[in-house]
Amino acid sequence: MKLPTTLARLAAPALAVLLAANVAVAQDASPPRRGQFAVVSVAVEAVAGNVALPASTPGTLTIATCAGCAPKSLQATAATRFVVKGEAVSLAQLHAAMLKNPAGIVTVNYITGSGVVTEVTTAP
């Protein structure tokens, strides 16, 4: 029976339209209208060795998401959450975890308009 293949062929165009609509909405700088999506925060991942944490909060966090990418500076605040292996930790504890595993992945969540970091997560 070829139902999954047929179903996939029928669903693919609809999925493409939905994805295109979401990308168009995400790229639109105007305020969202009712029924539209607005990108208010972004999560980026990088190797721990490509993330420079601030010495304290408030402070500037710098992240380079690829070898050829320009680093992006973001603002960590007293409200920024630091998480290691699903547990909330201090900035110093996160820094220590990243030093133990510089090849580990770090996820930085930030607000797009302000560049304020809401959460930094790693799972060494």
C-alpha atoms as a PDB file:
ATOM      1  CA  MET A   1       0.000   0.000   0.000  1.00  0.00           C
ATOM      2  CA  LYS A   2       1.405   3.410  -1.020  1.00  0.00           C
ATOM      3  CA  LEU A   3      -0.681   5.582   1.278  1.00  0.00           C
ATOM      4  CA  PRO A   4       2.254   7.197   3.167  1.00  0.00           C
ATOM      5  CA  THR A   5       3.987   8.156  -0.092  1.00  0.00           C
ATOM      6  CA  THR A   6       0.786   9.558  -1.584  1.00  0.00           C
ATOM      7  CA  LEU A   7      -0.014  11.380   1.626  1.00  0.00           C
ATOM      8  CA  ALA A   8       3.495  12.863   1.715  1.00  0.00           C
ATOM      9  CA  ARG A   9       3.134  14.102  -1.884  1.00  0.00           C
ATOM     10  CA  LEU A  10      -0.169  15.753  -1.038  1.00  0.00           C
ATOM     11  CA  ALA A  11       1.107  17.305   2.192  1.00  0.00           C
ATOM     12  CA  ALA A  12       4.402  18.658   0.795  1.00  0.00           C
ATOM     13  CA  PRO A  13       2.913  21.625  -1.121  1.00  0.00           C
ATOM     14  CA  ALA A  14       0.789  22.650   1.863  1.00  0.00           C
ATOM     15  CA  LEU A  15       3.800  22.481   4.144  1.00  0.00           C
ATOM     16  CA  ALA A  16       5.847  24.573   1.709  1.00  0.00           C
ATOM     17  CA  VAL A  17       3.137  27.261   1.665  1.00  0.00           C
ATOM     18  CA  LEU A  18       2.962  27.341   5.471  1.00  0.00           C
ATOM     19  CA  LEU A  19       6.744  27.606   5.785  1.00  0.00           C
ATOM     20  CA  ALA A  20       6.907  30.364   3.180  1.00  0.00           C
ATOM     21  CA  ALA A  21       4.162  32.281   4.985  1.00  0.00           C
ATOM     22  CA  ASN A  22       5.995  31.996   8.317  1.00  0.00           C
ATOM     23  CA  VAL A  23       9.278  33.157   6.788  1.00  0.00           C
ATOM     24  CA  ALA A  24       7.554  36.111   5.140  1.00  0.00           C
ATOM     25  CA  VAL A  25       5.937  37.097   8.434  1.00  0.00           C
ATOM     26  CA  ALA A  26       9.236  36.702  10.312  1.00  0.00           C
ATOM     27  CA  GLN A  27      11.012  38.972   7.840  1.00  0.00           C
ATOM     28  CA  ASP A  28       8.334  41.661   7.880  1.00  0.00           C
ATOM     29  CA  ALA A  29       9.408  44.536  10.156  1.00  0.00           C
ATOM     30  CA  SER A  30       5.874  45.921  10.557  1.00  0.00           C
ATOM     31  CA  PRO A  31       3.847  45.044  13.659  1.00  0.00           C
ATOM     32  CA  PRO A  32       1.951  41.761  13.329  1.00  0.00           C
ATOM     33  CA  ARG A  33      -1.693  41.853  12.368  1.00  0.00           C
ATOM     34  CA  ARG A  34      -4.252  39.585  13.941  1.00  0.00           C
ATOM     35  CA  GLY A  35      -3.527  36.007  12.921  1.00  0.00           C
ATOM     36  CA  GLN A  36       0.133  36.679  12.066  1.00  0.00           C
ATOM     37  CA  PHE A  37       3.219  35.476  13.852  1.00  0.00           C
ATOM     38  CA  ALA A  38       5.835  37.827  15.234  1.00  0.00           C
ATOM     39  CA  VAL A  39       9.366  36.791  16.045  1.00  0.00           C
ATOM     40  CA  VAL A  40      10.082  38.206  19.495  1.00  0.00           C
ATOM     41  CA  SER A  41      12.943  35.987  20.570  1.00  0.00           C
ATOM     42  CA  VAL A  42      15.584  33.880  18.884  1.00  0.00           C
ATOM     43  CA  ALA A  43      17.649  30.916  20.028  1.00  0.00           C
ATOM     44  CA  VAL A  44      21.105  30.478  18.526  1.00  0.00           C
ATOM     45  CA  GLU A  45      23.506  27.617  19.087  1.00  0.00           C
ATOM     46  CA  ALA A  46      27.275  27.731  19.058  1.00  0.00           C
ATOM     47  CA  VAL A  47      30.228  25.723  20.259  1.00  0.00           C
ATOM     48  CA  ALA A  48      31.072  26.753  23.822  1.00  0.00           C
ATOM     49  CA  GLY A  49      34.515  27.918  22.710  1.00  0.00           C
ATOM     50  CA  ASN A  50      32.807  30.485  20.453  1.00  0.00           C
ATOM     51  CA  VAL A  51      30.809  32.067  23.285  1.00  0.00           C
ATOM     52  CA  ALA A  52      32.338  34.744  25.519  1.00  0.00           C
ATOM     53  CA  LEU A  53      30.336  35.173  28.708  1.00  0.00           C
ATOM     54  CA  PRO A  54      30.341  38.453  30.610  1.00  0.00           C
ATOM     55  CA  ALA A  55      32.372  38.624  33.821  1.00  0.00           C
ATOM     56  CA  SER A  56      29.195  39.645  35.628  1.00  0.00           C
ATOM     57  CA  THR A  57      25.674  40.814  34.953  1.00  0.00           C
ATOM     58  CA  PRO A  58      24.809  43.196  33.534  1.00  0.00           C
ATOM     59  CA  GLY A  59      27.391  42.575  30.865  1.00  0.00           C
ATOM     60  CA  THR A  60      28.002  41.764  27.217  1.00  0.00           C
ATOM     61  CA  LEU A  61      27.867  38.200  25.900  1.00  0.00           C
ATOM     62  CA  THR A  62      29.532  37.632  22.530  1.00  0.00           C
ATOM     63  CA  ILE A  63      28.650  34.689  20.297  1.00  0.00           C
ATOM     64  CA  ALA A  64      29.973  33.558  16.912  1.00  0.00           C
ATOM     65  CA  THR A  65      27.672  30.960  15.364  1.00  0.00           C
ATOM     66  CA  CYS A  66      30.112  29.833  12.670  1.00  0.00           C
ATOM     67  CA  ALA A  67      33.805  30.077  11.787  1.00  0.00           C
ATOM     68  CA  GLY A  68      33.258  32.819   9.170  1.00  0.00           C
ATOM     69  CA  CYS A  69      30.430  34.634  10.960  1.00  0.00           C
ATOM     70  CA  ALA A  70      30.922  37.988  12.605  1.00  0.00           C
ATOM     71  CA  PRO A  71      30.455  37.757  16.377  1.00  0.00           C
ATOM     72  CA  LYS A  72      27.182  39.089  17.738  1.00  0.00           C
ATOM     73  CA  SER A  73      27.145  41.085  20.979  1.00  0.00           C
ATOM     74  CA  LEU A  74      24.157  40.636  23.272  1.00  0.00           C
ATOM     75  CA  GLN A  75      23.310  41.984  26.716  1.00  0.00           C
ATOM     76  CA  ALA A  76      23.049  39.685  29.737  1.00  0.00           C
ATOM     77  CA  THR A  77      21.111  41.172  32.652  1.00  0.00           C
ATOM     78  CA  ALA A  78      20.329  40.241  36.238  1.00  0.00           C
ATOM     79  CA  ALA A  79      17.221  38.512  34.854  1.00  0.00           C
ATOM     80  CA  THR A  80      19.209  36.275  32.467  1.00  0.00           C
ATOM     81  CA  ARG A  81      18.891  32.597  33.388  1.00  0.00           C
ATOM     82  CA  PHE A  82      21.930  30.327  33.221  1.00  0.00           C
ATOM     83  CA  VAL A  83      21.253  26.589  32.876  1.00  0.00           C
ATOM     84  CA  VAL A  84      23.517  23.518  32.909  1.00  0.00           C
ATOM     85  CA  LYS A  85      21.981  20.071  32.324  1.00  0.00           C
ATOM     86  CA  GLY A  86      18.505  21.464  32.960  1.00  0.00           C
ATOM     87  CA  GLU A  87      19.404  23.036  36.311  1.00  0.00           C
ATOM     88  CA  ALA A  88      19.501  26.779  37.005  1.00  0.00           C
ATOM     89  CA  VAL A  89      23.059  27.798  37.964  1.00  0.00           C
ATOM     90  CA  SER A  90      25.080  30.938  38.538  1.00  0.00           C
ATOM     91  CA  LEU A  91      27.046  32.674  35.802  1.00  0.00           C
ATOM     92  CA  ALA A  92      30.272  31.357  37.384  1.00  0.00           C
ATOM     93  CA  GLN A  93      28.942  27.777  37.345  1.00  0.00           C
ATOM     94  CA  LEU A  94      27.954  28.069  33.688  1.00  0.00           C
ATOM     95  CA  HIS A  95      31.389  29.455  32.849  1.00  0.00           C
ATOM     96  CA  ALA A  96      33.069  26.523  34.659  1.00  0.00           C
ATOM     97  CA  ALA A  97      30.881  23.999  32.791  1.00  0.00           C
ATOM     98  CA  MET A  98      31.758  25.599  29.454  1.00  0.00           C
ATOM     99  CA  LEU A  99      35.491  25.508  30.276  1.00  0.00           C
ATOM    100  CA  LYS A 100      35.213  21.769  31.022  1.00  0.00           C
ATOM    101  CA  ASN A 101      33.714  21.139  27.586  1.00  0.00           C
ATOM    102  CA  PRO A 102      34.722  23.854  25.073  1.00  0.00           C
ATOM    103  CA  ALA A 103      33.373  21.696  22.222  1.00  0.00           C
ATOM    104  CA  GLY A 104      29.929  21.454  23.859  1.00  0.00           C
ATOM    105  CA  ILE A 105      26.899  23.220  22.440  1.00  0.00           C
ATOM    106  CA  VAL A 106      25.588  26.396  24.063  1.00  0.00           C
ATOM    107  CA  THR A 107      22.139  27.773  23.304  1.00  0.00           C
ATOM    108  CA  VAL A 108      21.601  31.508  23.750  1.00  0.00           C
ATOM    109  CA  ASN A 109      18.021  32.827  23.770  1.00  0.00           C
ATOM    110  CA  TYR A 110      17.591  36.556  23.288  1.00  0.00           C
ATOM    111  CA  ILE A 111      14.953  39.163  22.492  1.00  0.00           C
ATOM    112  CA  THR A 112      15.319  40.270  18.879  1.00  0.00           C
ATOM    113  CA  GLY A 113      14.520  43.958  19.278  1.00  0.00           C
ATOM    114  CA  SER A 114      16.754  44.671  22.260  1.00  0.00           C
ATOM    115  CA  GLY A 115      19.426  41.959  22.105  1.00  0.00           C
ATOM    116  CA  VAL A 116      18.786  41.171  25.781  1.00  0.00           C
ATOM    117  CA  VAL A 117      19.690  37.577  26.650  1.00  0.00           C
ATOM    118  CA  THR A 118      16.910  35.714  28.440  1.00  0.00           C
ATOM    119  CA  GLU A 119      18.663  32.353  28.886  1.00  0.00           C
ATOM    120  CA  VAL A 120      21.987  30.614  28.231  1.00  0.00           C
ATOM    121  CA  THR A 121      21.899  26.819  28.291  1.00  0.00           C
ATOM    122  CA  THR A 122      24.510  24.091  27.942  1.00  0.00           C
ATOM    123  CA  ALA A 123      24.517  20.364  28.545  1.00  0.00           C
ATOM    124  CA  PRO A 124      28.164  19.293  28.823  1.00  0.00           C
END
